[in-house]
């Protein structure tokens, strides 16, 4: 018996099936998206003070940064220190928290003023960020 090869079947066998490769790439993409930890940054470089009692606080909803020059930043945008309470209150949900990242060289008076403005605006959960020091 003689076997015939048609030109259609030869053309089909020469094509590369990309579906399994695309499936693997898609699964890897999902894996990397799910396992990536998203770190929220304040938008400015801050040299935080050290504290032996510092504990991690990953649930911060809004970050407020205070630079050594006295500028106040909220989630990467500069904000007037007198209006920081209203700005942050509109961004925070009822159970959300705010972390203030004050630079080591910033004034304590500005830190206290920002904390007061946040409390006046109704933000109850306010924490000050610090680097974990040697114990």
N, C-alpha and C. Protein backbone atom coordinates (compact mmCIF):
# COMPACT_ATOMS: atom_id res chain seq x y z
N UNK A 1 0.81 -1.17 0.00
CA UNK A 1 0.00 0.00 0.00
C UNK A 1 0.86 1.24 0.00
N UNK A 2 0.42 2.14 -0.75
CA UNK A 2 1.15 3.36 -0.90
C UNK A 2 0.49 4.48 -0.08
N UNK A 3 1.29 5.26 0.58
CA UNK A 3 0.75 6.33 1.41
C UNK A 3 0.93 7.66 0.71
N UNK A 4 -0.06 8.47 0.73
CA UNK A 4 0.01 9.77 0.08
C UNK A 4 0.11 10.87 1.14
N UNK A 5 0.94 11.82 0.82
CA UNK A 5 1.06 13.00 1.69
C UNK A 5 0.43 14.17 0.96
N UNK A 6 -0.52 14.75 1.59
CA UNK A 6 -1.12 15.92 0.96
C UNK A 6 -0.34 17.17 1.36
N UNK A 7 -0.44 18.18 0.57
CA UNK A 7 0.28 19.43 0.88
C UNK A 7 -0.33 20.13 2.09
N UNK A 8 -1.61 19.93 2.37
CA UNK A 8 -2.25 20.55 3.54
C UNK A 8 -1.72 19.98 4.85
N UNK A 9 -1.56 18.68 4.94
CA UNK A 9 -1.07 18.08 6.17
C UNK A 9 0.39 18.43 6.42
N UNK A 10 1.18 18.60 5.39
CA UNK A 10 2.58 18.99 5.55
C UNK A 10 2.69 20.42 6.05
N UNK A 11 1.84 21.29 5.59
CA UNK A 11 1.86 22.69 6.04
C UNK A 11 1.43 22.80 7.49
N UNK A 12 0.46 21.96 7.90
CA UNK A 12 0.00 21.99 9.29
C UNK A 12 1.07 21.48 10.25
N UNK A 13 1.83 20.50 9.87
CA UNK A 13 2.83 19.93 10.78
C UNK A 13 4.05 20.82 10.92
N UNK A 14 4.27 21.75 10.02
CA UNK A 14 5.43 22.63 10.11
C UNK A 14 5.18 23.84 10.99
N UNK A 15 3.96 24.14 11.40
CA UNK A 15 3.66 25.27 12.25
C UNK A 15 3.99 24.95 13.70
N UNK A 16 4.46 25.96 14.41
CA UNK A 16 4.77 25.80 15.83
C UNK A 16 3.57 26.24 16.64
N UNK A 17 3.16 25.39 17.57
CA UNK A 17 2.02 25.69 18.42
C UNK A 17 2.52 26.52 19.61
N UNK A 18 2.12 27.79 19.71
CA UNK A 18 2.57 28.69 20.75
C UNK A 18 1.66 28.71 21.98
N UNK A 19 0.57 28.03 21.94
CA UNK A 19 -0.39 28.06 23.04
C UNK A 19 0.21 27.60 24.37
N UNK A 20 0.94 26.48 24.44
CA UNK A 20 1.52 26.10 25.74
C UNK A 20 2.52 27.12 26.27
N UNK A 21 3.31 27.71 25.38
CA UNK A 21 4.26 28.71 25.83
C UNK A 21 3.54 29.95 26.37
N UNK A 22 2.51 30.39 25.71
CA UNK A 22 1.74 31.54 26.17
C UNK A 22 1.06 31.25 27.51
N UNK A 23 0.60 30.02 27.69
CA UNK A 23 -0.01 29.65 28.97
C UNK A 23 1.00 29.74 30.10
N UNK A 24 2.21 29.25 29.87
CA UNK A 24 3.24 29.29 30.90
C UNK A 24 3.62 30.73 31.21
N UNK A 25 3.79 31.56 30.20
CA UNK A 25 4.14 32.96 30.42
C UNK A 25 3.03 33.68 31.19
N UNK A 26 1.79 33.41 30.86
CA UNK A 26 0.67 34.04 31.56
C UNK A 26 0.62 33.60 33.02
N UNK A 27 0.86 32.34 33.29
CA UNK A 27 0.87 31.84 34.68
C UNK A 27 2.02 32.48 35.45
N UNK A 28 3.18 32.62 34.82
CA UNK A 28 4.32 33.27 35.49
C UNK A 28 4.01 34.73 35.79
N UNK A 29 3.35 35.40 34.86
CA UNK A 29 2.97 36.79 35.08
C UNK A 29 2.04 36.92 36.28
N UNK A 30 1.05 36.06 36.36
CA UNK A 30 0.12 36.07 37.50
C UNK A 30 0.88 35.80 38.80
N UNK A 31 1.80 34.84 38.77
CA UNK A 31 2.58 34.51 39.97
C UNK A 31 3.37 35.72 40.46
N UNK A 32 4.05 36.41 39.55
CA UNK A 32 4.86 37.55 39.96
C UNK A 32 4.00 38.73 40.43
N UNK A 33 2.85 38.91 39.85
CA UNK A 33 1.97 39.99 40.30
C UNK A 33 1.45 39.70 41.70
N UNK A 34 1.07 38.46 41.95
CA UNK A 34 0.51 38.10 43.26
C UNK A 34 1.57 38.13 44.35
N UNK A 35 2.79 37.71 44.04
CA UNK A 35 3.82 37.61 45.08
C UNK A 35 4.59 38.90 45.29
N UNK A 36 4.40 39.88 44.46
CA UNK A 36 5.10 41.15 44.61
C UNK A 36 4.52 41.92 45.79
N UNK A 37 5.40 42.41 46.63
CA UNK A 37 4.92 43.25 47.73
C UNK A 37 5.00 44.70 47.27
N UNK A 38 3.91 45.39 47.38
CA UNK A 38 3.85 46.77 46.97
C UNK A 38 4.18 47.65 48.16
N UNK A 39 5.26 48.39 48.05
CA UNK A 39 5.69 49.26 49.13
C UNK A 39 5.29 50.68 48.79
N UNK A 40 4.59 51.28 49.69
CA UNK A 40 4.14 52.65 49.47
C UNK A 40 5.24 53.60 49.92
N UNK A 41 5.61 54.52 49.06
CA UNK A 41 6.65 55.48 49.37
C UNK A 41 6.05 56.87 49.56
N UNK A 42 6.74 57.69 50.34
CA UNK A 42 6.23 59.02 50.62
C UNK A 42 6.53 60.02 49.51
N UNK A 43 7.48 59.72 48.66
CA UNK A 43 7.80 60.61 47.55
C UNK A 43 9.03 61.46 47.77
N UNK A 44 9.56 61.51 48.96
CA UNK A 44 10.78 62.26 49.26
C UNK A 44 11.70 61.37 50.09
N UNK A 45 12.99 61.68 50.05
CA UNK A 45 13.98 60.92 50.81
C UNK A 45 13.99 61.41 52.25
N UNK A 46 13.73 60.50 53.18
CA UNK A 46 13.63 60.84 54.60
C UNK A 46 14.64 60.01 55.38
N UNK A 47 15.39 60.66 56.26
CA UNK A 47 16.30 59.97 57.17
C UNK A 47 15.58 59.85 58.51
N UNK A 48 14.96 58.69 58.73
CA UNK A 48 14.15 58.51 59.93
C UNK A 48 15.01 58.33 61.17
N UNK A 49 14.54 58.79 62.31
CA UNK A 49 15.26 58.56 63.56
C UNK A 49 15.18 57.09 63.96
N UNK A 50 16.13 56.65 64.79
CA UNK A 50 16.15 55.26 65.22
C UNK A 50 15.41 55.11 66.54
N UNK A 51 14.82 53.92 66.72
CA UNK A 51 14.12 53.61 67.95
C UNK A 51 14.23 52.11 68.21
N UNK A 52 14.51 51.73 69.45
CA UNK A 52 14.60 50.30 69.77
C UNK A 52 13.21 49.68 69.87
N UNK A 53 12.19 50.50 70.05
CA UNK A 53 10.83 49.98 70.19
C UNK A 53 10.01 50.09 68.92
N UNK A 54 10.66 50.35 67.79
CA UNK A 54 9.93 50.49 66.52
C UNK A 54 9.34 49.16 66.09
N UNK A 55 8.09 49.18 65.65
CA UNK A 55 7.44 47.96 65.17
C UNK A 55 6.90 48.21 63.77
N UNK A 56 6.89 47.18 62.93
CA UNK A 56 6.41 47.38 61.55
C UNK A 56 4.94 47.73 61.52
N UNK A 57 4.57 48.57 60.55
CA UNK A 57 3.18 49.03 60.43
C UNK A 57 2.80 48.97 58.95
N UNK A 58 2.46 47.78 58.42
CA UNK A 58 2.21 47.65 56.99
C UNK A 58 0.84 48.15 56.54
N UNK A 59 -0.04 48.49 57.48
CA UNK A 59 -1.42 48.83 57.11
C UNK A 59 -1.64 50.33 56.93
N UNK A 60 -0.57 51.09 56.74
CA UNK A 60 -0.71 52.54 56.58
C UNK A 60 -1.43 52.86 55.28
N UNK A 61 -2.47 53.67 55.38
CA UNK A 61 -3.24 54.05 54.21
C UNK A 61 -2.67 55.30 53.55
N UNK A 62 -2.18 56.24 54.35
CA UNK A 62 -1.63 57.50 53.83
C UNK A 62 -0.29 57.75 54.52
N UNK A 63 0.69 58.18 53.72
CA UNK A 63 2.00 58.54 54.25
C UNK A 63 2.17 60.05 54.18
N UNK A 64 2.57 60.64 55.30
CA UNK A 64 2.87 62.06 55.37
C UNK A 64 4.36 62.17 55.66
N UNK A 65 5.09 62.92 54.84
CA UNK A 65 6.53 63.08 55.03
C UNK A 65 6.84 64.53 55.38
N UNK A 66 7.79 64.69 56.31
CA UNK A 66 8.26 66.02 56.70
C UNK A 66 9.75 66.07 56.39
N UNK A 67 10.15 66.99 55.52
CA UNK A 67 11.55 67.10 55.11
C UNK A 67 12.33 67.96 56.09
N UNK A 68 13.66 67.92 56.02
CA UNK A 68 14.46 68.77 56.92
C UNK A 68 14.23 70.26 56.69
N UNK A 69 13.82 70.64 55.48
CA UNK A 69 13.56 72.05 55.18
C UNK A 69 12.22 72.53 55.71
N UNK A 70 11.38 71.61 56.20
CA UNK A 70 10.08 71.99 56.75
C UNK A 70 8.94 71.83 55.77
N UNK A 71 9.17 71.17 54.64
CA UNK A 71 8.09 70.92 53.68
C UNK A 71 7.32 69.67 54.09
N UNK A 72 6.01 69.69 53.86
CA UNK A 72 5.15 68.57 54.20
C UNK A 72 4.65 67.95 52.88
N UNK A 73 4.82 66.65 52.75
CA UNK A 73 4.40 65.92 51.55
C UNK A 73 3.37 64.87 51.94
N UNK A 74 2.31 64.76 51.14
CA UNK A 74 1.28 63.74 51.36
C UNK A 74 1.21 62.88 50.11
N UNK A 75 1.59 61.61 50.27
CA UNK A 75 1.60 60.65 49.15
C UNK A 75 2.28 61.20 47.91
N UNK A 76 3.44 61.81 48.08
CA UNK A 76 4.24 62.27 46.96
C UNK A 76 3.90 63.65 46.43
N UNK A 77 3.01 64.38 47.10
CA UNK A 77 2.63 65.73 46.67
C UNK A 77 2.91 66.71 47.80
N UNK A 78 3.49 67.86 47.48
CA UNK A 78 3.70 68.86 48.53
C UNK A 78 2.37 69.49 48.96
N UNK A 79 2.23 69.67 50.26
CA UNK A 79 0.99 70.22 50.84
C UNK A 79 1.38 71.26 51.88
N UNK A 80 0.58 72.30 52.01
CA UNK A 80 0.79 73.31 53.04
C UNK A 80 0.55 72.67 54.42
N UNK A 81 1.39 72.99 55.38
CA UNK A 81 1.28 72.38 56.71
C UNK A 81 -0.04 72.71 57.38
N UNK A 82 -0.62 73.87 57.07
CA UNK A 82 -1.88 74.25 57.69
C UNK A 82 -3.08 73.52 57.08
N UNK A 83 -2.93 72.97 55.89
CA UNK A 83 -4.03 72.28 55.21
C UNK A 83 -3.85 70.76 55.18
N UNK A 84 -2.84 70.25 55.85
CA UNK A 84 -2.55 68.82 55.80
C UNK A 84 -3.69 67.99 56.41
N UNK A 85 -4.35 68.50 57.43
CA UNK A 85 -5.44 67.76 58.06
C UNK A 85 -6.59 67.52 57.11
N UNK A 86 -7.05 68.57 56.43
CA UNK A 86 -8.17 68.42 55.49
C UNK A 86 -7.79 67.53 54.32
N UNK A 87 -6.54 67.66 53.84
CA UNK A 87 -6.07 66.87 52.70
C UNK A 87 -6.05 65.37 53.04
N UNK A 88 -5.52 65.05 54.20
CA UNK A 88 -5.40 63.65 54.60
C UNK A 88 -6.76 63.08 55.00
N UNK A 89 -7.60 63.87 55.65
CA UNK A 89 -8.92 63.38 56.08
C UNK A 89 -9.76 62.93 54.90
N UNK A 90 -9.60 63.58 53.75
CA UNK A 90 -10.37 63.17 52.58
C UNK A 90 -9.84 61.89 51.96
N UNK A 91 -8.60 61.51 52.30
CA UNK A 91 -7.99 60.32 51.72
C UNK A 91 -8.11 59.08 52.61
N UNK A 92 -8.38 59.28 53.89
CA UNK A 92 -8.38 58.17 54.84
C UNK A 92 -9.80 57.67 55.06
N UNK A 93 -9.96 56.35 55.07
CA UNK A 93 -11.26 55.76 55.40
C UNK A 93 -11.42 55.74 56.92
N UNK A 94 -12.56 55.24 57.39
CA UNK A 94 -12.84 55.24 58.83
C UNK A 94 -11.84 54.41 59.63
N UNK A 95 -11.41 53.27 59.08
CA UNK A 95 -10.49 52.40 59.81
C UNK A 95 -9.05 52.52 59.30
N UNK A 96 -8.77 53.53 58.46
CA UNK A 96 -7.43 53.71 57.92
C UNK A 96 -6.51 54.42 58.89
N UNK A 97 -5.22 54.26 58.65
CA UNK A 97 -4.24 54.90 59.53
C UNK A 97 -3.29 55.75 58.71
N UNK A 98 -2.65 56.69 59.40
CA UNK A 98 -1.70 57.61 58.78
C UNK A 98 -0.35 57.41 59.47
N UNK A 99 0.71 57.35 58.66
CA UNK A 99 2.06 57.27 59.20
C UNK A 99 2.80 58.54 58.79
N UNK A 100 3.38 59.22 59.78
CA UNK A 100 4.16 60.42 59.53
C UNK A 100 5.63 60.03 59.51
N UNK A 101 6.30 60.32 58.41
CA UNK A 101 7.74 60.06 58.29
C UNK A 101 8.46 61.39 58.41
N UNK A 102 8.90 61.69 59.61
CA UNK A 102 9.60 62.96 59.86
C UNK A 102 11.10 62.72 59.76
N UNK A 103 11.79 63.57 59.03
CA UNK A 103 13.24 63.46 58.91
C UNK A 103 13.89 63.75 60.25
N UNK A 104 15.03 63.15 60.46
CA UNK A 104 15.77 63.33 61.71
C UNK A 104 16.12 64.80 61.96
N UNK A 105 16.35 65.55 60.87
CA UNK A 105 16.74 66.96 61.01
C UNK A 105 15.56 67.92 61.00
N UNK A 106 14.33 67.42 60.87
CA UNK A 106 13.17 68.31 60.88
C UNK A 106 12.86 68.74 62.32
N UNK A 107 12.09 69.81 62.43
CA UNK A 107 11.79 70.34 63.76
C UNK A 107 10.65 69.57 64.41
N UNK A 108 10.76 69.42 65.71
CA UNK A 108 9.71 68.73 66.46
C UNK A 108 8.42 69.53 66.45
N UNK A 109 8.55 70.85 66.43
CA UNK A 109 7.36 71.71 66.41
C UNK A 109 6.50 71.46 65.18
N UNK A 110 7.12 71.28 64.03
CA UNK A 110 6.36 71.01 62.81
C UNK A 110 5.70 69.63 62.88
N UNK A 111 6.39 68.66 63.45
CA UNK A 111 5.80 67.32 63.62
C UNK A 111 4.56 67.39 64.51
N UNK A 112 4.66 68.11 65.61
CA UNK A 112 3.52 68.24 66.53
C UNK A 112 2.38 69.00 65.85
N UNK A 113 2.72 70.03 65.07
CA UNK A 113 1.68 70.79 64.36
C UNK A 113 0.94 69.91 63.35
N UNK A 114 1.68 69.09 62.62
CA UNK A 114 1.04 68.18 61.65
C UNK A 114 0.16 67.18 62.37
N UNK A 115 0.62 66.65 63.48
CA UNK A 115 -0.18 65.70 64.25
C UNK A 115 -1.45 66.37 64.77
N UNK A 116 -1.33 67.61 65.24
CA UNK A 116 -2.51 68.34 65.72
C UNK A 116 -3.51 68.58 64.60
N UNK A 117 -3.03 68.97 63.43
CA UNK A 117 -3.92 69.21 62.27
C UNK A 117 -4.64 67.93 61.88
N UNK A 118 -3.95 66.79 61.96
CA UNK A 118 -4.59 65.51 61.63
C UNK A 118 -5.66 65.16 62.66
N UNK A 119 -5.35 65.36 63.92
CA UNK A 119 -6.34 65.06 64.97
C UNK A 119 -7.55 65.98 64.87
N UNK A 120 -7.34 67.26 64.56
CA UNK A 120 -8.45 68.20 64.39
C UNK A 120 -9.34 67.82 63.22
N UNK A 121 -8.75 67.21 62.20
CA UNK A 121 -9.52 66.80 61.02
C UNK A 121 -10.24 65.47 61.23
N UNK A 122 -10.05 64.84 62.38
CA UNK A 122 -10.77 63.61 62.69
C UNK A 122 -10.00 62.33 62.40
N UNK A 123 -8.71 62.43 62.15
CA UNK A 123 -7.89 61.23 61.93
C UNK A 123 -7.37 60.78 63.28
N UNK A 124 -7.81 59.59 63.71
CA UNK A 124 -7.46 59.11 65.04
C UNK A 124 -6.20 58.25 65.08
N UNK A 125 -5.98 57.46 64.03
CA UNK A 125 -4.85 56.52 64.04
C UNK A 125 -3.66 57.16 63.32
N UNK A 126 -2.77 57.77 64.12
CA UNK A 126 -1.59 58.45 63.59
C UNK A 126 -0.37 57.83 64.25
N UNK A 127 0.63 57.47 63.45
CA UNK A 127 1.88 56.91 63.97
C UNK A 127 3.04 57.68 63.35
N UNK A 128 4.17 57.70 64.08
CA UNK A 128 5.39 58.33 63.60
C UNK A 128 6.37 57.22 63.24
N UNK A 129 6.92 57.27 62.03
CA UNK A 129 7.83 56.23 61.55
C UNK A 129 9.22 56.41 62.14
N UNK A 130 9.88 55.29 62.41
CA UNK A 130 11.24 55.29 62.90
C UNK A 130 11.94 54.05 62.37
N UNK A 131 13.26 54.14 62.24
CA UNK A 131 14.05 52.97 61.84
C UNK A 131 14.32 52.12 63.07
N UNK A 132 14.39 50.82 62.87
CA UNK A 132 14.64 49.92 63.98
C UNK A 132 16.11 50.01 64.36
N UNK A 133 16.37 50.44 65.57
CA UNK A 133 17.74 50.60 66.05
C UNK A 133 18.24 49.35 66.75
N UNK A 134 19.49 49.35 67.16
CA UNK A 134 20.09 48.22 67.87
C UNK A 134 19.49 48.14 69.28
N UNK A 135 19.27 46.90 69.71
CA UNK A 135 18.66 46.72 71.05
C UNK A 135 19.66 46.36 72.08
